[in-house]
């Protein structure tokens, strides 16, 4: 199959069409409409075989994760997703793999009300690059640079699950409870972008980031941008029942601090906004846990367990 045949057969026909897409797949570029009063947020992430997913990962899971990690970035900015573009590098044309992959793209795009509007296919090592775009009202975007000393630090959902899931997928760990096994592996392969959380945090959160490389690594981006420090209580980290039942307590903390790939949101909120935060979270049925507080010691991160210093040297995932 040739490049344009791949695009025609697997990606051009879509079940979900947005009204703000004037011209989608088929021309040299897409043409879209940005609503009045909205700013455009754009993000790009690449997933490489052997780095971001195992070679044995299903094409369906790869597709959905590629979209989810980009939508997670939009969520961290408080944006609502609209469009995605796909650049796909393939070592060979495998029709069965492409059918499964394109099904994953269609299902996830439709679920989150986004439309695939263009992209590219090339011959090379297996890699998936998604560019996602979304809208946020002017002056309401969440950033990393407006947090202040005294703000509380929150994290959504549970963290560390994907790290355990990776070890299970790599056969480096075995657990007997099949329900817990499946939950942890699915947290790795099918992350959930916290889009509703992001929009609920507009005008509430002072800083926000998604947890892709691990809490220890990612929170330091907020500390650097806002010139703050932080005290994090590791005994307050939100841990899933599956992970608590599958690893010992000290391991669980280590996974939660540094494993990454959870794509939960870490955000900061001032004392004055806590009431509004609780209302917004309750209305949206969202779980978020307070795990610490920002300090005035620029870029200094302190970990505590039961109010005692907690020593930890793993700084999380880094590409280089």
C-alpha atoms as a PDB file:
ATOM      1  CA  UNK A   1       0.000   0.000   0.000  1.00  0.00           C
ATOM      2  CA  UNK A   2       1.117   3.562  -0.731  1.00  0.00           C
ATOM      3  CA  UNK A   3       0.978   6.460   1.736  1.00  0.00           C
ATOM      4  CA  UNK A   4      -2.188   8.046   0.351  1.00  0.00           C
ATOM      5  CA  UNK A   5      -3.936   4.683   0.203  1.00  0.00           C
ATOM      6  CA  UNK A   6      -3.165   4.179   3.916  1.00  0.00           C
ATOM      7  CA  UNK A   7      -4.634   7.605   4.720  1.00  0.00           C
ATOM      8  CA  UNK A   8      -7.699   6.991   2.547  1.00  0.00           C
ATOM      9  CA  UNK A   9      -8.425   3.503   3.888  1.00  0.00           C
ATOM     10  CA  UNK A  10      -7.681   3.952   7.583  1.00  0.00           C
ATOM     11  CA  UNK A  11      -7.864   7.616   8.605  1.00  0.00           C
ATOM     12  CA  UNK A  12      -9.967   9.754   6.257  1.00  0.00           C
ATOM     13  CA  UNK A  13     -13.344   8.266   7.093  1.00  0.00           C
ATOM     14  CA  UNK A  14     -14.422   9.282  10.589  1.00  0.00           C
ATOM     15  CA  UNK A  15     -17.656   8.837  12.495  1.00  0.00           C
ATOM     16  CA  UNK A  16     -17.276  12.122  14.397  1.00  0.00           C
ATOM     17  CA  UNK A  17     -17.259  15.469  12.587  1.00  0.00           C
ATOM     18  CA  UNK A  18     -16.911  18.806  14.368  1.00  0.00           C
ATOM     19  CA  UNK A  19     -18.738  21.864  13.043  1.00  0.00           C
ATOM     20  CA  UNK A  20     -15.638  24.037  13.564  1.00  0.00           C
ATOM     21  CA  UNK A  21     -13.642  22.007  11.004  1.00  0.00           C
ATOM     22  CA  UNK A  22     -13.984  23.778   7.648  1.00  0.00           C
ATOM     23  CA  UNK A  23     -11.530  21.551   5.738  1.00  0.00           C
ATOM     24  CA  UNK A  24     -10.081  18.414   7.293  1.00  0.00           C
ATOM     25  CA  UNK A  25      -8.090  15.529   5.830  1.00  0.00           C
ATOM     26  CA  UNK A  26      -7.472  15.693   2.075  1.00  0.00           C
ATOM     27  CA  UNK A  27      -5.768  19.041   1.393  1.00  0.00           C
ATOM     28  CA  UNK A  28      -2.278  20.371   2.106  1.00  0.00           C
ATOM     29  CA  UNK A  29      -3.557  21.754   5.378  1.00  0.00           C
ATOM     30  CA  UNK A  30      -6.639  21.809   7.567  1.00  0.00           C
ATOM     31  CA  UNK A  31      -8.812  24.897   8.040  1.00  0.00           C
ATOM     32  CA  UNK A  32     -10.595  25.357  11.332  1.00  0.00           C
ATOM     33  CA  UNK A  33     -12.591  28.005  13.148  1.00  0.00           C
ATOM     34  CA  UNK A  34     -11.649  29.357  16.592  1.00  0.00           C
ATOM     35  CA  UNK A  35     -14.675  30.563  18.590  1.00  0.00           C
ATOM     36  CA  UNK A  36     -14.827  34.193  19.640  1.00  0.00           C
ATOM     37  CA  UNK A  37     -13.358  34.872  23.073  1.00  0.00           C
ATOM     38  CA  UNK A  38     -11.298  31.675  23.070  1.00  0.00           C
ATOM     39  CA  UNK A  39      -7.528  31.213  22.910  1.00  0.00           C
ATOM     40  CA  UNK A  40      -5.973  28.272  21.066  1.00  0.00           C
ATOM     41  CA  UNK A  41      -3.826  25.828  23.063  1.00  0.00           C
ATOM     42  CA  UNK A  42      -1.482  23.520  21.103  1.00  0.00           C
ATOM     43  CA  UNK A  43       0.587  20.587  22.368  1.00  0.00           C
ATOM     44  CA  UNK A  44       2.617  17.797  20.739  1.00  0.00           C
ATOM     45  CA  UNK A  45       3.846  14.458  22.095  1.00  0.00           C
ATOM     46  CA  UNK A  46       5.687  11.585  20.433  1.00  0.00           C
ATOM     47  CA  UNK A  47       5.453   7.954  21.543  1.00  0.00           C
ATOM     48  CA  UNK A  48       8.319   5.668  20.501  1.00  0.00           C
ATOM     49  CA  UNK A  49       8.263   1.892  20.492  1.00  0.00           C
ATOM     50  CA  UNK A  50      10.512   0.581  23.256  1.00  0.00           C
ATOM     51  CA  UNK A  51      10.511   3.948  25.055  1.00  0.00           C
ATOM     52  CA  UNK A  52       6.892   4.942  25.663  1.00  0.00           C
ATOM     53  CA  UNK A  53       5.276   1.573  25.007  1.00  0.00           C
ATOM     54  CA  UNK A  54       6.461  -2.017  24.800  1.00  0.00           C
ATOM     55  CA  UNK A  55       6.758  -3.612  21.339  1.00  0.00           C
ATOM     56  CA  UNK A  56       4.128  -6.103  22.494  1.00  0.00           C
ATOM     57  CA  UNK A  57       1.562  -3.372  23.262  1.00  0.00           C
ATOM     58  CA  UNK A  58      -1.575  -3.657  21.146  1.00  0.00           C
ATOM     59  CA  UNK A  59      -2.107  -1.160  18.330  1.00  0.00           C
ATOM     60  CA  UNK A  60      -5.433  -0.172  19.907  1.00  0.00           C
ATOM     61  CA  UNK A  61      -3.748   0.731  23.207  1.00  0.00           C
ATOM     62  CA  UNK A  62      -0.962   2.654  21.446  1.00  0.00           C
ATOM     63  CA  UNK A  63      -3.523   4.759  19.576  1.00  0.00           C
ATOM     64  CA  UNK A  64      -5.561   5.581  22.634  1.00  0.00           C
ATOM     65  CA  UNK A  65      -2.507   6.379  24.765  1.00  0.00           C
ATOM     66  CA  UNK A  66      -1.086   8.657  22.045  1.00  0.00           C
ATOM     67  CA  UNK A  67      -4.267  10.730  22.140  1.00  0.00           C
ATOM     68  CA  UNK A  68      -4.655  10.597  25.922  1.00  0.00           C
ATOM     69  CA  UNK A  69      -1.185  11.928  26.754  1.00  0.00           C
ATOM     70  CA  UNK A  70      -1.781  14.937  24.517  1.00  0.00           C
ATOM     71  CA  UNK A  71      -5.251  15.599  25.909  1.00  0.00           C
ATOM     72  CA  UNK A  72      -3.704  15.389  29.372  1.00  0.00           C
ATOM     73  CA  UNK A  73      -1.478  18.354  28.456  1.00  0.00           C
ATOM     74  CA  UNK A  74      -4.569  20.286  27.363  1.00  0.00           C
ATOM     75  CA  UNK A  75      -6.250  19.377  30.649  1.00  0.00           C
ATOM     76  CA  UNK A  76      -3.269  20.770  32.551  1.00  0.00           C
ATOM     77  CA  UNK A  77      -3.835  24.088  30.747  1.00  0.00           C
ATOM     78  CA  UNK A  78      -7.568  24.109  31.492  1.00  0.00           C
ATOM     79  CA  UNK A  79      -8.390  23.659  27.796  1.00  0.00           C
ATOM     80  CA  UNK A  80     -11.201  21.762  26.080  1.00  0.00           C
ATOM     81  CA  UNK A  81      -9.883  19.588  23.209  1.00  0.00           C
ATOM     82  CA  UNK A  82     -10.998  20.167  19.628  1.00  0.00           C
ATOM     83  CA  UNK A  83      -8.639  18.762  16.969  1.00  0.00           C
ATOM     84  CA  UNK A  84      -5.741  16.353  16.566  1.00  0.00           C
ATOM     85  CA  UNK A  85      -3.166  15.740  13.839  1.00  0.00           C
ATOM     86  CA  UNK A  86      -1.308  12.444  13.489  1.00  0.00           C
ATOM     87  CA  UNK A  87       2.205  11.739  12.217  1.00  0.00           C
ATOM     88  CA  UNK A  88       2.756   7.995  11.971  1.00  0.00           C
ATOM     89  CA  UNK A  89       6.094   6.300  11.309  1.00  0.00           C
ATOM     90  CA  UNK A  90       5.711   2.650  10.263  1.00  0.00           C
ATOM     91  CA  UNK A  91       8.401   0.001   9.682  1.00  0.00           C
ATOM     92  CA  UNK A  92       6.019  -1.811   7.306  1.00  0.00           C
ATOM     93  CA  UNK A  93       2.412  -1.774   6.149  1.00  0.00           C
ATOM     94  CA  UNK A  94       0.492  -4.216   8.318  1.00  0.00           C
ATOM     95  CA  UNK A  95      -3.217  -3.979   7.494  1.00  0.00           C
ATOM     96  CA  UNK A  96      -4.329  -5.818  10.634  1.00  0.00           C
ATOM     97  CA  UNK A  97      -2.231  -3.510  12.851  1.00  0.00           C
ATOM     98  CA  UNK A  98      -3.462  -0.416  11.012  1.00  0.00           C
ATOM     99  CA  UNK A  99      -7.087  -1.454  11.341  1.00  0.00           C
ATOM    100  CA  UNK A 100      -6.707  -1.908  15.091  1.00  0.00           C
ATOM    101  CA  UNK A 101      -4.750   1.335  15.435  1.00  0.00           C
ATOM    102  CA  UNK A 102      -7.200   3.404  13.396  1.00  0.00           C
ATOM    103  CA  UNK A 103     -10.100   1.942  15.392  1.00  0.00           C
ATOM    104  CA  UNK A 104      -8.394   3.118  18.582  1.00  0.00           C
ATOM    105  CA  UNK A 105      -7.935   6.599  17.118  1.00  0.00           C
ATOM    106  CA  UNK A 106     -11.587   6.793  16.042  1.00  0.00           C
ATOM    107  CA  UNK A 107     -12.973   5.522  19.348  1.00  0.00           C
ATOM    108  CA  UNK A 108     -10.890   7.829  21.533  1.00  0.00           C
ATOM    109  CA  UNK A 109     -11.428  10.844  19.285  1.00  0.00           C
ATOM    110  CA  UNK A 110     -15.183  10.348  19.330  1.00  0.00           C
ATOM    111  CA  UNK A 111     -15.256   9.770  23.100  1.00  0.00           C
ATOM    112  CA  UNK A 112     -13.472  13.073  23.771  1.00  0.00           C
ATOM    113  CA  UNK A 113     -15.236  14.989  20.956  1.00  0.00           C
ATOM    114  CA  UNK A 114     -12.087  15.667  18.959  1.00  0.00           C
ATOM    115  CA  UNK A 115     -11.572  15.304  15.220  1.00  0.00           C
ATOM    116  CA  UNK A 116      -8.537  14.063  13.322  1.00  0.00           C
ATOM    117  CA  UNK A 117      -7.871  16.842  10.792  1.00  0.00           C
ATOM    118  CA  UNK A 118      -4.577  15.839   9.160  1.00  0.00           C
ATOM    119  CA  UNK A 119      -1.074  14.487   9.531  1.00  0.00           C
ATOM    120  CA  UNK A 120       1.534  12.419   7.758  1.00  0.00           C
ATOM    121  CA  UNK A 121       2.731   8.825   7.302  1.00  0.00           C
ATOM    122  CA  UNK A 122       6.354   7.846   6.756  1.00  0.00           C
ATOM    123  CA  UNK A 123       8.483   4.709   6.578  1.00  0.00           C
ATOM    124  CA  UNK A 124      10.681   4.244   9.643  1.00  0.00           C
ATOM    125  CA  UNK A 125      10.802   2.903  13.206  1.00  0.00           C
ATOM    126  CA  UNK A 126       7.393   2.663  14.855  1.00  0.00           C
ATOM    127  CA  UNK A 127       6.555   6.082  16.321  1.00  0.00           C
ATOM    128  CA  UNK A 128       3.312   7.991  16.863  1.00  0.00           C
ATOM    129  CA  UNK A 129       3.235  11.784  17.080  1.00  0.00           C
ATOM    130  CA  UNK A 130       0.012  13.576  17.949  1.00  0.00           C
ATOM    131  CA  UNK A 131      -0.546  17.325  17.885  1.00  0.00           C
ATOM    132  CA  UNK A 132      -3.639  18.284  19.870  1.00  0.00           C
ATOM    133  CA  UNK A 133      -5.368  21.652  19.911  1.00  0.00           C
ATOM    134  CA  UNK A 134      -8.082  22.992  22.163  1.00  0.00           C
ATOM    135  CA  UNK A 135      -9.732  26.132  23.482  1.00  0.00           C
ATOM    136  CA  UNK A 136      -9.544  28.022  26.740  1.00  0.00           C
ATOM    137  CA  UNK A 137     -11.224  31.358  27.482  1.00  0.00           C
ATOM    138  CA  UNK A 138      -8.875  34.345  27.351  1.00  0.00           C
ATOM    139  CA  UNK A 139      -7.007  34.897  30.635  1.00  0.00           C
ATOM    140  CA  UNK A 140      -8.216  31.589  32.123  1.00  0.00           C
ATOM    141  CA  UNK A 141      -5.434  29.224  31.039  1.00  0.00           C
ATOM    142  CA  UNK A 142      -3.726  27.265  33.807  1.00  0.00           C
ATOM    143  CA  UNK A 143       0.059  27.674  33.943  1.00  0.00           C
ATOM    144  CA  UNK A 144       3.020  26.651  36.089  1.00  0.00           C
ATOM    145  CA  UNK A 145       4.180  30.147  37.003  1.00  0.00           C
ATOM    146  CA  UNK A 146       1.498  31.665  39.252  1.00  0.00           C
ATOM    147  CA  UNK A 147       1.755  29.465  42.342  1.00  0.00           C
ATOM    148  CA  UNK A 148       2.556  31.191  45.653  1.00  0.00           C
ATOM    149  CA  UNK A 149       4.046  30.164  49.022  1.00  0.00           C
ATOM    150  CA  UNK A 150       1.263  28.938  51.281  1.00  0.00           C
ATOM    151  CA  UNK A 151      -0.727  27.357  48.435  1.00  0.00           C
ATOM    152  CA  UNK A 152      -1.807  23.768  49.016  1.00  0.00           C
ATOM    153  CA  UNK A 153      -0.649  21.013  46.645  1.00  0.00           C
ATOM    154  CA  UNK A 154      -3.229  18.547  45.319  1.00  0.00           C
ATOM    155  CA  UNK A 155      -3.128  15.542  43.022  1.00  0.00           C
ATOM    156  CA  UNK A 156      -6.051  13.818  41.272  1.00  0.00           C
ATOM    157  CA  UNK A 157      -6.859  10.125  41.292  1.00  0.00           C
ATOM    158  CA  UNK A 158      -4.152   7.703  42.386  1.00  0.00           C
ATOM    159  CA  UNK A 159      -0.486   7.699  41.407  1.00  0.00           C
ATOM    160  CA  UNK A 160       2.156   5.023  40.915  1.00  0.00           C
ATOM    161  CA  UNK A 161      -0.198   2.541  39.244  1.00  0.00           C
ATOM    162  CA  UNK A 162       1.382   2.771  35.787  1.00  0.00           C
ATOM    163  CA  UNK A 163       4.834   2.079  37.218  1.00  0.00           C
ATOM    164  CA  UNK A 164       3.644  -1.196  38.710  1.00  0.00           C
ATOM    165  CA  UNK A 165       1.738  -1.912  35.507  1.00  0.00           C
ATOM    166  CA  UNK A 166       4.949  -1.536  33.493  1.00  0.00           C
ATOM    167  CA  UNK A 167       6.752  -4.097  35.652  1.00  0.00           C
ATOM    168  CA  UNK A 168       3.838  -6.481  35.224  1.00  0.00           C
ATOM    169  CA  UNK A 169       3.847  -5.992  31.439  1.00  0.00           C
ATOM    170  CA  UNK A 170       7.613  -6.559  31.376  1.00  0.00           C
ATOM    171  CA  UNK A 171       7.131  -9.755  33.440  1.00  0.00           C
ATOM    172  CA  UNK A 172       9.425  -8.310  36.117  1.00  0.00           C
ATOM    173  CA  UNK A 173       6.686  -8.711  38.714  1.00  0.00           C
ATOM    174  CA  UNK A 174       3.811 -11.109  39.215  1.00  0.00           C
ATOM    175  CA  UNK A 175       0.667 -10.738  41.292  1.00  0.00           C
ATOM    176  CA  UNK A 176      -1.951 -13.413  41.752  1.00  0.00           C
ATOM    177  CA  UNK A 177      -5.023 -11.192  41.883  1.00  0.00           C
ATOM    178  CA  UNK A 178      -6.132 -10.951  38.228  1.00  0.00           C
ATOM    179  CA  UNK A 179      -8.421  -7.976  38.868  1.00  0.00           C
ATOM    180  CA  UNK A 180      -5.569  -5.960  40.384  1.00  0.00           C
ATOM    181  CA  UNK A 181      -3.206  -7.090  37.612  1.00  0.00           C
ATOM    182  CA  UNK A 182      -5.586  -5.925  34.883  1.00  0.00           C
ATOM    183  CA  UNK A 183      -6.295  -2.618  36.631  1.00  0.00           C
ATOM    184  CA  UNK A 184      -2.591  -1.746  36.952  1.00  0.00           C
ATOM    185  CA  UNK A 185      -1.684  -2.736  33.377  1.00  0.00           C
ATOM    186  CA  UNK A 186      -4.666  -0.782  32.021  1.00  0.00           C
ATOM    187  CA  UNK A 187      -3.510   2.276  33.959  1.00  0.00           C
ATOM    188  CA  UNK A 188      -0.297   2.010  31.928  1.00  0.00           C
ATOM    189  CA  UNK A 189      -1.852   1.278  28.535  1.00  0.00           C
ATOM    190  CA  UNK A 190      -5.048   3.348  28.806  1.00  0.00           C
ATOM    191  CA  UNK A 191      -4.403   6.523  30.834  1.00  0.00           C
ATOM    192  CA  UNK A 192      -7.326   8.879  31.443  1.00  0.00           C
ATOM    193  CA  UNK A 193      -6.823  12.573  30.617  1.00  0.00           C
ATOM    194  CA  UNK A 194      -8.400  14.622  33.421  1.00  0.00           C
ATOM    195  CA  UNK A 195     -10.143  17.100  31.141  1.00  0.00           C
ATOM    196  CA  UNK A 196     -13.082  17.803  33.435  1.00  0.00           C
ATOM    197  CA  UNK A 197     -10.669  18.537  36.266  1.00  0.00           C
ATOM    198  CA  UNK A 198      -8.755  21.002  34.104  1.00  0.00           C
ATOM    199  CA  UNK A 199     -11.815  23.032  33.173  1.00  0.00           C
ATOM    200  CA  UNK A 200     -13.035  22.917  36.793  1.00  0.00           C
ATOM    201  CA  UNK A 201      -9.731  24.446  37.943  1.00  0.00           C
ATOM    202  CA  UNK A 202     -10.003  27.597  35.817  1.00  0.00           C
ATOM    203  CA  UNK A 203      -9.945  30.683  38.058  1.00  0.00           C
ATOM    204  CA  UNK A 204      -9.308  28.333  41.014  1.00  0.00           C
ATOM    205  CA  UNK A 205      -5.844  26.777  40.692  1.00  0.00           C
ATOM    206  CA  UNK A 206      -2.697  28.896  40.880  1.00  0.00           C
ATOM    207  CA  UNK A 207      -0.550  26.296  39.092  1.00  0.00           C
ATOM    208  CA  UNK A 208      -1.066  23.000  37.286  1.00  0.00           C
ATOM    209  CA  UNK A 209       0.885  20.247  35.512  1.00  0.00           C
ATOM    210  CA  UNK A 210       0.154  16.705  34.391  1.00  0.00           C
ATOM    211  CA  UNK A 211       2.175  13.858  35.892  1.00  0.00           C
ATOM    212  CA  UNK A 212       3.954  12.171  32.997  1.00  0.00           C
ATOM    213  CA  UNK A 213       7.502  11.746  34.345  1.00  0.00           C
ATOM    214  CA  UNK A 214       6.711  11.226  38.033  1.00  0.00           C
ATOM    215  CA  UNK A 215       5.647  13.523  40.857  1.00  0.00           C
ATOM    216  CA  UNK A 216       9.201  14.325  42.002  1.00  0.00           C
ATOM    217  CA  UNK A 217      10.233  15.380  38.504  1.00  0.00           C
ATOM    218  CA  UNK A 218       7.074  17.187  37.448  1.00  0.00           C
ATOM    219  CA  UNK A 219       6.417  19.253  40.576  1.00  0.00           C
ATOM    220  CA  UNK A 220       9.838  20.820  40.191  1.00  0.00           C
ATOM    221  CA  UNK A 221       8.659  22.471  36.960  1.00  0.00           C
ATOM    222  CA  UNK A 222       6.082  24.384  39.025  1.00  0.00           C
ATOM    223  CA  UNK A 223       8.646  25.188  41.712  1.00  0.00           C
ATOM    224  CA  UNK A 224      11.080  26.572  39.144  1.00  0.00           C
ATOM    225  CA  UNK A 225       8.484  28.554  37.177  1.00  0.00           C
ATOM    226  CA  UNK A 226       6.888  30.022  40.326  1.00  0.00           C
ATOM    227  CA  UNK A 227      10.105  30.318  42.379  1.00  0.00           C
ATOM    228  CA  UNK A 228       8.617  28.405  45.286  1.00  0.00           C
ATOM    229  CA  UNK A 229       9.563  25.417  47.396  1.00  0.00           C
ATOM    230  CA  UNK A 230       7.314  22.604  48.579  1.00  0.00           C
ATOM    231  CA  UNK A 231       6.793  20.198  51.439  1.00  0.00           C
ATOM    232  CA  UNK A 232       5.217  16.925  50.304  1.00  0.00           C
ATOM    233  CA  UNK A 233       3.891  14.398  52.817  1.00  0.00           C
ATOM    234  CA  UNK A 234       4.511  10.961  51.334  1.00  0.00           C
ATOM    235  CA  UNK A 235       2.106   9.355  53.819  1.00  0.00           C
ATOM    236  CA  UNK A 236      -0.698  11.369  52.192  1.00  0.00           C
ATOM    237  CA  UNK A 237      -0.032  10.274  48.593  1.00  0.00           C
ATOM    238  CA  UNK A 238      -3.206   8.785  47.013  1.00  0.00           C
ATOM    239  CA  UNK A 239      -2.606   5.081  46.349  1.00  0.00           C
ATOM    240  CA  UNK A 240      -5.017   2.703  44.645  1.00  0.00           C
ATOM    241  CA  UNK A 241      -6.330  -0.386  46.401  1.00  0.00           C
ATOM    242  CA  UNK A 242      -4.742  -2.489  43.651  1.00  0.00           C
ATOM    243  CA  UNK A 243      -1.262  -1.089  44.249  1.00  0.00           C
ATOM    244  CA  UNK A 244      -1.529  -1.202  48.062  1.00  0.00           C
ATOM    245  CA  UNK A 245      -2.500  -4.865  47.805  1.00  0.00           C
ATOM    246  CA  UNK A 246       0.248  -5.691  45.297  1.00  0.00           C
ATOM    247  CA  UNK A 247       3.458  -4.082  46.629  1.00  0.00           C
ATOM    248  CA  UNK A 248       4.907  -3.355  50.057  1.00  0.00           C
ATOM    249  CA  UNK A 249       4.296   0.113  51.579  1.00  0.00           C
ATOM    250  CA  UNK A 250       7.775   1.524  50.913  1.00  0.00           C
ATOM    251  CA  UNK A 251       7.676   0.364  47.294  1.00  0.00           C
ATOM    252  CA  UNK A 252       4.264   1.951  46.871  1.00  0.00           C
ATOM    253  CA  UNK A 253       5.628   5.334  47.947  1.00  0.00           C
ATOM    254  CA  UNK A 254       8.567   5.031  45.563  1.00  0.00           C
ATOM    255  CA  UNK A 255       6.298   4.190  42.633  1.00  0.00           C
ATOM    256  CA  UNK A 256       4.014   7.104  43.494  1.00  0.00           C
ATOM    257  CA  UNK A 257       6.908   9.559  43.691  1.00  0.00           C
ATOM    258  CA  UNK A 258       8.858   8.651  40.591  1.00  0.00           C
ATOM    259  CA  UNK A 259       7.307   6.056  38.262  1.00  0.00           C
ATOM    260  CA  UNK A 260       5.414   8.446  35.981  1.00  0.00           C
ATOM    261  CA  UNK A 261       2.973   7.635  33.161  1.00  0.00           C
ATOM    262  CA  UNK A 262      -0.076   8.174  35.408  1.00  0.00           C
ATOM    263  CA  UNK A 263      -1.255  11.386  33.673  1.00  0.00           C
ATOM    264  CA  UNK A 264      -3.030  12.643  36.760  1.00  0.00           C
ATOM    265  CA  UNK A 265      -3.034  16.394  37.432  1.00  0.00           C
ATOM    266  CA  UNK A 266      -0.959  18.034  40.154  1.00  0.00           C
ATOM    267  CA  UNK A 267      -2.216  21.513  41.013  1.00  0.00           C
ATOM    268  CA  UNK A 268      -1.880  24.238  43.627  1.00  0.00           C
ATOM    269  CA  UNK A 269      -4.647  26.252  45.282  1.00  0.00           C
ATOM    270  CA  UNK A 270      -4.548  29.251  47.607  1.00  0.00           C
ATOM    271  CA  UNK A 271      -6.312  29.211  50.967  1.00  0.00           C
ATOM    272  CA  UNK A 272      -8.873  31.708  49.636  1.00  0.00           C
ATOM    273  CA  UNK A 273      -9.883  29.413  46.776  1.00  0.00           C
ATOM    274  CA  UNK A 274     -10.238  26.178  48.748  1.00  0.00           C
ATOM    275  CA  UNK A 275     -13.988  26.594  49.255  1.00  0.00           C
ATOM    276  CA  UNK A 276     -14.581  27.068  45.534  1.00  0.00           C
ATOM    277  CA  UNK A 277     -12.277  24.148  44.783  1.00  0.00           C
ATOM    278  CA  UNK A 278     -14.257  21.806  47.028  1.00  0.00           C
ATOM    279  CA  UNK A 279     -17.513  22.938  45.424  1.00  0.00           C
ATOM    280  CA  UNK A 280     -16.191  22.447  41.893  1.00  0.00           C
ATOM    281  CA  UNK A 281     -14.738  19.017  42.680  1.00  0.00           C
ATOM    282  CA  UNK A 282     -17.952  17.869  44.362  1.00  0.00           C
ATOM    283  CA  UNK A 283     -20.127  19.096  41.477  1.00  0.00           C
ATOM    284  CA  UNK A 284     -17.928  17.253  38.988  1.00  0.00           C
ATOM    285  CA  UNK A 285     -17.580  14.138  41.207  1.00  0.00           C
ATOM    286  CA  UNK A 286     -13.784  14.439  41.074  1.00  0.00           C
ATOM    287  CA  UNK A 287     -11.342  12.993  43.598  1.00  0.00           C
ATOM    288  CA  UNK A 288      -8.320  15.106  44.556  1.00  0.00           C
ATOM    289  CA  UNK A 289      -6.013  14.722  47.550  1.00  0.00           C
ATOM    290  CA  UNK A 290      -4.038  17.424  49.362  1.00  0.00           C
ATOM    291  CA  UNK A 291      -0.458  16.133  49.674  1.00  0.00           C
ATOM    292  CA  UNK A 292       1.476  19.192  50.843  1.00  0.00           C
ATOM    293  CA  UNK A 293       2.068  22.915  50.715  1.00  0.00           C
ATOM    294  CA  UNK A 294       4.278  25.395  48.868  1.00  0.00           C
ATOM    295  CA  UNK A 295       6.969  27.292  50.760  1.00  0.00           C
ATOM    296  CA  UNK A 296       9.062  30.406  50.170  1.00  0.00           C
ATOM    297  CA  UNK A 297      12.308  28.427  49.741  1.00  0.00           C
ATOM    298  CA  UNK A 298      12.780  28.713  45.977  1.00  0.00           C
ATOM    299  CA  UNK A 299      13.004  25.338  44.204  1.00  0.00           C
ATOM    300  CA  UNK A 300      13.575  23.443  47.478  1.00  0.00           C
ATOM    301  CA  UNK A 301      11.546  20.242  47.672  1.00  0.00           C
ATOM    302  CA  UNK A 302      11.187  18.559  51.065  1.00  0.00           C
ATOM    303  CA  UNK A 303       9.661  15.113  51.555  1.00  0.00           C
ATOM    304  CA  UNK A 304       8.222  14.088  54.906  1.00  0.00           C
ATOM    305  CA  UNK A 305       6.723  10.912  56.300  1.00  0.00           C
ATOM    306  CA  UNK A 306       4.745  11.247  59.518  1.00  0.00           C
ATOM    307  CA  UNK A 307       6.292  14.736  59.843  1.00  0.00           C
ATOM    308  CA  UNK A 308       9.836  13.314  59.723  1.00  0.00           C
ATOM    309  CA  UNK A 309      12.304  13.871  56.819  1.00  0.00           C
ATOM    310  CA  UNK A 310      11.958  11.229  54.096  1.00  0.00           C
ATOM    311  CA  UNK A 311      15.067  10.486  52.042  1.00  0.00           C
ATOM    312  CA  UNK A 312      14.546   9.725  48.363  1.00  0.00           C
ATOM    313  CA  UNK A 313      17.063  10.062  45.523  1.00  0.00           C
ATOM    314  CA  UNK A 314      15.150   8.992  42.381  1.00  0.00           C
ATOM    315  CA  UNK A 315      14.294  12.143  40.420  1.00  0.00           C
ATOM    316  CA  UNK A 316      11.845  10.490  38.016  1.00  0.00           C
ATOM    317  CA  UNK A 317      12.061   9.760  34.295  1.00  0.00           C
ATOM    318  CA  UNK A 318      14.301  11.789  31.981  1.00  0.00           C
ATOM    319  CA  UNK A 319      14.849  11.233  28.247  1.00  0.00           C
ATOM    320  CA  UNK A 320      18.479  12.388  28.255  1.00  0.00           C
END
